[in-house]
C-alpha cells in the first residue's frame, strides 16, 4: 500500500487549486514586457488552503484504498 505523506497531499492540493483557477498564494512575479496581458487569478486564504488540503488527502487515501 502506498503511503500518503504531507508532501504528496500538498502537491495534490496545489494541483487541484490550479485546476480550479486559483493561485495557492500571492507571489511576486517578474516584470512582464510592456503590452503583455496579465491574467489575475484569485488566491486562497488559509481556510481555502485547508479545504484543498483536506480534499487532496481524501482523494489520495481513496486511491490507496482502491489500489
C-alpha atoms as a PDB file:
ATOM      1  CA  UNK A   1       0.000   0.000   0.000  1.00  0.00           C
ATOM      2  CA  UNK A   2       1.311   3.437  -0.950  1.00  0.00           C
ATOM      3  CA  UNK A   3       1.997   5.859   1.881  1.00  0.00           C
ATOM      4  CA  UNK A   4       0.251   9.247   1.829  1.00  0.00           C
ATOM      5  CA  UNK A   5       2.635  11.846   3.214  1.00  0.00           C
ATOM      6  CA  UNK A   6       2.359  15.596   3.655  1.00  0.00           C
ATOM      7  CA  UNK A   7       4.380  16.330   0.520  1.00  0.00           C
ATOM      8  CA  UNK A   8       2.034  14.253  -1.640  1.00  0.00           C
ATOM      9  CA  UNK A   9      -1.012  15.898  -0.076  1.00  0.00           C
ATOM     10  CA  UNK A  10       0.429  19.380  -0.605  1.00  0.00           C
ATOM     11  CA  UNK A  11       1.349  18.634  -4.221  1.00  0.00           C
ATOM     12  CA  UNK A  12      -2.138  17.291  -4.979  1.00  0.00           C
ATOM     13  CA  UNK A  13      -3.830  20.231  -3.210  1.00  0.00           C
ATOM     14  CA  UNK A  14      -1.849  22.749  -5.261  1.00  0.00           C
ATOM     15  CA  UNK A  15      -2.711  20.867  -8.453  1.00  0.00           C
ATOM     16  CA  UNK A  16      -6.427  20.883  -7.581  1.00  0.00           C
ATOM     17  CA  UNK A  17      -6.223  24.562  -6.735  1.00  0.00           C
ATOM     18  CA  UNK A  18      -4.655  25.363 -10.102  1.00  0.00           C
ATOM     19  CA  UNK A  19      -7.226  23.250 -11.954  1.00  0.00           C
ATOM     20  CA  UNK A  20      -9.986  25.291 -10.289  1.00  0.00           C
ATOM     21  CA  UNK A  21      -8.384  28.554 -11.421  1.00  0.00           C
ATOM     22  CA  UNK A  22      -6.849  29.753  -8.158  1.00  0.00           C
ATOM     23  CA  UNK A  23      -3.327  30.597  -7.089  1.00  0.00           C
ATOM     24  CA  UNK A  24      -2.173  28.843  -3.922  1.00  0.00           C
ATOM     25  CA  UNK A  25      -0.884  32.126  -2.514  1.00  0.00           C
ATOM     26  CA  UNK A  26       0.073  35.595  -3.653  1.00  0.00           C
ATOM     27  CA  UNK A  27       3.510  35.617  -5.144  1.00  0.00           C
ATOM     28  CA  UNK A  28       5.508  38.314  -6.807  1.00  0.00           C
ATOM     29  CA  UNK A  29       6.383  37.624 -10.405  1.00  0.00           C
ATOM     30  CA  UNK A  30       8.969  39.130 -12.705  1.00  0.00           C
ATOM     31  CA  UNK A  31       8.038  42.202 -14.675  1.00  0.00           C
ATOM     32  CA  UNK A  32       6.459  41.350 -17.981  1.00  0.00           C
ATOM     33  CA  UNK A  33       7.173  43.128 -21.261  1.00  0.00           C
ATOM     34  CA  UNK A  34       5.043  46.201 -21.890  1.00  0.00           C
ATOM     35  CA  UNK A  35       1.711  45.320 -23.505  1.00  0.00           C
ATOM     36  CA  UNK A  36       1.572  41.811 -22.068  1.00  0.00           C
ATOM     37  CA  UNK A  37      -1.893  40.870 -20.888  1.00  0.00           C
ATOM     38  CA  UNK A  38      -1.913  39.953 -17.222  1.00  0.00           C
ATOM     39  CA  UNK A  39      -4.144  37.121 -16.068  1.00  0.00           C
ATOM     40  CA  UNK A  40      -5.140  37.772 -12.492  1.00  0.00           C
ATOM     41  CA  UNK A  41      -6.351  34.743 -10.587  1.00  0.00           C
ATOM     42  CA  UNK A  42      -7.740  34.868  -7.091  1.00  0.00           C
ATOM     43  CA  UNK A  43      -5.509  33.351  -4.446  1.00  0.00           C
ATOM     44  CA  UNK A  44      -6.522  31.284  -1.456  1.00  0.00           C
ATOM     45  CA  UNK A  45      -6.637  32.332   2.154  1.00  0.00           C
ATOM     46  CA  UNK A  46      -5.783  29.937   4.997  1.00  0.00           C
ATOM     47  CA  UNK A  47      -9.304  28.485   5.105  1.00  0.00           C
ATOM     48  CA  UNK A  48      -9.270  27.863   1.359  1.00  0.00           C
ATOM     49  CA  UNK A  49      -5.883  26.136   1.534  1.00  0.00           C
ATOM     50  CA  UNK A  50      -7.101  23.886   4.351  1.00  0.00           C
ATOM     51  CA  UNK A  51     -10.120  22.866   2.238  1.00  0.00           C
ATOM     52  CA  UNK A  52      -7.894  21.918  -0.683  1.00  0.00           C
ATOM     53  CA  UNK A  53      -5.533  20.013   1.612  1.00  0.00           C
ATOM     54  CA  UNK A  54      -8.467  18.055   3.065  1.00  0.00           C
ATOM     55  CA  UNK A  55      -9.825  17.330  -0.420  1.00  0.00           C
ATOM     56  CA  UNK A  56      -6.407  16.174  -1.620  1.00  0.00           C
ATOM     57  CA  UNK A  57      -5.890  13.948   1.424  1.00  0.00           C
ATOM     58  CA  UNK A  58      -9.315  12.380   0.913  1.00  0.00           C
ATOM     59  CA  UNK A  59      -8.568  11.674  -2.757  1.00  0.00           C
ATOM     60  CA  UNK A  60      -5.161  10.156  -2.030  1.00  0.00           C
ATOM     61  CA  UNK A  61      -6.492   7.948   0.763  1.00  0.00           C
ATOM     62  CA  UNK A  62      -9.307   6.741  -1.502  1.00  0.00           C
ATOM     63  CA  UNK A  63      -6.791   5.962  -4.257  1.00  0.00           C
ATOM     64  CA  UNK A  64      -4.682   3.959  -1.776  1.00  0.00           C
ATOM     65  CA  UNK A  65      -7.706   2.003  -0.588  1.00  0.00           C
ATOM     66  CA  UNK A  66      -8.839   1.273  -4.167  1.00  0.00           C
ATOM     67  CA  UNK A  67      -5.428   0.335  -5.484  1.00  0.00           C
END
